[in-house]
Amino acid sequence: DLNGCIVSDTINFTFNPLPRFELGVDTAICEGESITFDGTSLAGATYEWNDGSMQSTLTTSVGGVYSLQATLDGCIFIDTRNLRIKPLPLADLGMDQVLCEEERFILDVTQIDASYTWQDGSTDSGFVVSQAGDYNVEVNLEGCIARDTVNFVFNPIPRFNLGADTVLC
């Protein structure tokens, strides 16, 4: 209103919803595994990962930070997830062995923060071998599992008798 002259105007606002999705919480996988991050496909949305790929999903086995940007009707939403790669534990029992009967051999797979399960269900980091057969261990480190098996053969000790003591002239 200016000196009795009235002018009016109208504007219409449309609020487009954000293209929301969840990549989930930061996570860790074992070395050698892969994971698929899924931005859940939204009809009409375009996607771009921080590595430049343009799909709504990304499969990887490399640790790092992963970000996905979704754009829909001019609205942008970004979610980020950190991936840590956990090392596999070592479970190396060595080569198969041939020993003499009555010998003992100690298998040892000690690692910090690992847990162990041997073929007989025992859970120490070491195992004393005293009989022929297969021996196996499962080593668990932060949920990552490694296994190994070794075979032992025990040869008999040669036994002989020279007879009674004899005196000769």
Protein backbone atom coordinates (compact mmCIF):
# COMPACT_ATOMS: atom_id res chain seq x y z
CA ASP A 1 0.00 0.00 0.00
CA LEU A 2 1.53 3.27 -1.13
CA ASN A 3 -0.65 6.36 -1.19
CA GLY A 4 -3.77 4.26 -1.64
CA CYS A 5 -2.34 2.06 -4.37
CA ILE A 6 -2.25 -1.55 -3.31
CA VAL A 7 -0.10 -4.20 -4.90
CA SER A 8 0.11 -7.83 -3.78
CA ASP A 9 2.11 -10.86 -4.76
CA THR A 10 2.10 -14.51 -3.82
CA ILE A 11 4.90 -17.05 -3.74
CA ASN A 12 4.48 -20.78 -3.42
CA PHE A 13 7.07 -22.88 -1.56
CA THR A 14 7.47 -26.59 -2.11
CA PHE A 15 9.56 -28.48 0.39
CA ASN A 16 11.10 -31.58 -1.11
CA PRO A 17 12.04 -34.28 1.36
CA LEU A 18 15.72 -35.02 1.86
CA PRO A 19 16.79 -38.26 0.19
CA ARG A 20 17.61 -39.91 3.51
CA PHE A 21 19.38 -43.23 3.84
CA GLU A 22 21.54 -44.96 6.44
CA LEU A 23 24.93 -46.50 5.74
CA GLY A 24 24.87 -47.78 9.31
CA VAL A 25 27.40 -47.47 12.09
CA ASP A 26 31.16 -47.58 11.72
CA THR A 27 32.27 -51.17 11.39
CA ALA A 28 35.21 -53.53 11.08
CA ILE A 29 35.74 -56.64 8.98
CA CYS A 30 38.44 -59.27 8.93
CA GLU A 31 41.28 -59.10 6.46
CA GLY A 32 40.25 -60.87 3.24
CA GLU A 33 36.53 -60.17 3.71
CA SER A 34 34.46 -57.57 1.89
CA ILE A 35 31.42 -55.50 2.80
CA THR A 36 28.69 -53.82 0.77
CA PHE A 37 27.56 -50.35 1.78
CA ASP A 38 24.01 -49.71 0.61
CA GLY A 39 22.53 -46.23 0.21
CA THR A 40 19.14 -47.83 -0.57
CA SER A 41 18.02 -46.92 -4.02
CA LEU A 42 15.63 -43.95 -4.04
CA ALA A 43 13.52 -43.51 -7.20
CA GLY A 44 14.95 -40.64 -9.24
CA ALA A 45 17.95 -39.99 -6.99
CA THR A 46 21.51 -39.74 -8.22
CA TYR A 47 24.41 -41.03 -6.15
CA GLU A 48 28.08 -40.31 -5.82
CA TRP A 49 30.58 -42.02 -3.51
CA ASN A 50 33.74 -40.28 -2.36
CA ASP A 51 35.67 -42.48 -4.83
CA GLY A 52 33.59 -41.10 -7.72
CA SER A 53 31.45 -44.19 -8.37
CA MET A 54 27.79 -43.47 -9.08
CA GLN A 55 25.79 -46.50 -7.80
CA SER A 56 23.69 -46.66 -4.66
CA THR A 57 25.86 -49.54 -3.36
CA LEU A 58 29.60 -49.99 -3.00
CA THR A 59 31.46 -53.22 -2.21
CA THR A 60 34.94 -52.94 -0.73
CA SER A 61 37.60 -54.78 1.23
CA VAL A 62 39.76 -51.71 1.88
CA GLY A 63 39.63 -49.79 5.14
CA GLY A 64 38.90 -46.09 5.23
CA VAL A 65 36.11 -43.53 5.33
CA TYR A 66 33.25 -43.98 2.85
CA SER A 67 30.80 -41.18 2.05
CA LEU A 68 27.74 -41.32 -0.18
CA GLN A 69 25.93 -38.26 -1.49
CA ALA A 70 22.36 -38.70 -2.74
CA THR A 71 20.66 -35.94 -4.72
CA LEU A 72 16.90 -35.90 -5.33
CA ASP A 73 14.90 -32.93 -6.64
CA GLY A 74 17.80 -30.58 -5.85
CA CYS A 75 18.08 -31.79 -2.25
CA ILE A 76 21.35 -33.37 -1.10
CA PHE A 77 21.93 -35.83 1.74
CA ILE A 78 25.31 -37.26 2.75
CA ASP A 79 26.10 -40.15 5.08
CA THR A 80 29.56 -41.37 6.07
CA ARG A 81 30.83 -44.66 7.45
CA ASN A 82 34.28 -45.68 8.66
CA LEU A 83 35.59 -49.17 7.84
CA ARG A 84 38.43 -50.75 9.82
CA ILE A 85 40.20 -53.90 8.62
CA LYS A 86 41.12 -56.29 11.45
CA PRO A 87 44.22 -58.42 10.92
CA LEU A 88 43.87 -62.17 10.74
CA PRO A 89 45.49 -64.04 13.60
CA LEU A 90 48.37 -66.40 12.93
CA ALA A 91 47.69 -70.11 13.24
CA ASP A 92 50.86 -71.76 11.98
CA LEU A 93 51.56 -75.15 13.54
CA GLY A 94 54.45 -75.78 11.18
CA MET A 95 55.19 -78.83 9.07
CA ASP A 96 54.09 -82.38 9.85
CA GLN A 97 56.51 -84.02 12.29
CA VAL A 98 58.11 -87.42 12.78
CA LEU A 99 59.38 -87.99 16.32
CA CYS A 100 60.66 -90.87 18.36
CA GLU A 101 58.27 -92.46 20.82
CA GLU A 102 58.46 -90.96 24.29
CA GLU A 103 59.44 -87.55 22.85
CA ARG A 104 57.20 -84.57 23.48
CA PHE A 105 56.59 -81.59 21.22
CA ILE A 106 55.00 -78.27 22.22
CA LEU A 107 52.77 -76.50 19.74
CA ASP A 108 52.48 -72.79 20.56
CA VAL A 109 50.32 -70.16 18.82
CA THR A 110 50.40 -67.45 21.51
CA GLN A 111 49.14 -64.04 20.37
CA ILE A 112 48.11 -61.03 22.42
CA ASP A 113 44.33 -60.82 22.98
CA ALA A 114 43.59 -64.03 21.05
CA SER A 115 41.61 -67.06 22.18
CA TYR A 116 42.32 -70.65 21.17
CA THR A 117 40.47 -73.91 20.68
CA TRP A 118 42.37 -77.16 20.11
CA GLN A 119 41.01 -80.42 18.67
CA ASP A 120 40.26 -81.72 22.17
CA GLY A 121 38.44 -78.53 23.22
CA SER A 122 41.27 -77.18 25.38
CA THR A 123 41.80 -73.42 25.27
CA ASP A 124 45.43 -72.76 26.20
CA SER A 125 47.75 -71.06 23.71
CA GLY A 126 49.99 -74.12 23.67
CA PHE A 127 49.46 -77.85 23.39
CA VAL A 128 51.78 -80.74 24.31
CA VAL A 129 51.91 -83.48 21.69
CA SER A 130 52.72 -86.96 23.02
CA GLN A 131 50.81 -89.26 20.65
CA ALA A 132 50.54 -89.78 16.92
CA GLY A 133 47.68 -88.07 15.10
CA ASP A 134 46.34 -84.83 13.71
CA TYR A 135 46.40 -81.73 15.89
CA ASN A 136 44.46 -78.62 14.95
CA VAL A 137 43.89 -75.21 16.43
CA GLU A 138 41.47 -72.36 15.85
CA VAL A 139 42.78 -68.92 16.79
CA ASN A 140 40.22 -66.14 17.31
CA LEU A 141 41.37 -62.53 17.37
CA GLU A 142 38.55 -59.94 17.55
CA GLY A 143 36.21 -62.34 15.75
CA CYS A 144 38.68 -63.10 12.96
CA ILE A 145 39.44 -66.82 12.76
CA ALA A 146 42.50 -68.69 11.50
CA ARG A 147 42.95 -72.47 11.59
CA ASP A 148 45.80 -74.89 11.03
CA THR A 149 46.40 -78.64 11.29
CA VAL A 150 49.59 -80.63 11.70
CA ASN A 151 50.20 -84.38 11.79
CA PHE A 152 52.57 -86.20 14.14
CA VAL A 153 54.01 -89.67 13.63
CA PHE A 154 55.95 -91.38 16.42
CA ASN A 155 58.53 -93.96 15.40
CA PRO A 156 59.38 -96.71 17.88
CA ILE A 157 62.71 -96.52 19.64
CA PRO A 158 64.90 -99.42 18.49
CA ARG A 159 65.15 -101.91 21.33
CA PHE A 160 67.73 -104.66 21.62
CA ASN A 161 69.37 -106.82 24.21
CA LEU A 162 73.03 -107.77 24.14
CA GLY A 163 72.41 -110.59 26.56
CA ALA A 164 73.89 -111.26 29.99
CA ASP A 165 77.27 -109.88 30.97
CA THR A 166 80.05 -112.23 29.98
CA VAL A 167 83.57 -112.61 31.36
CA LEU A 168 86.25 -113.74 28.95
CA CYS A 169 89.82 -114.78 29.65
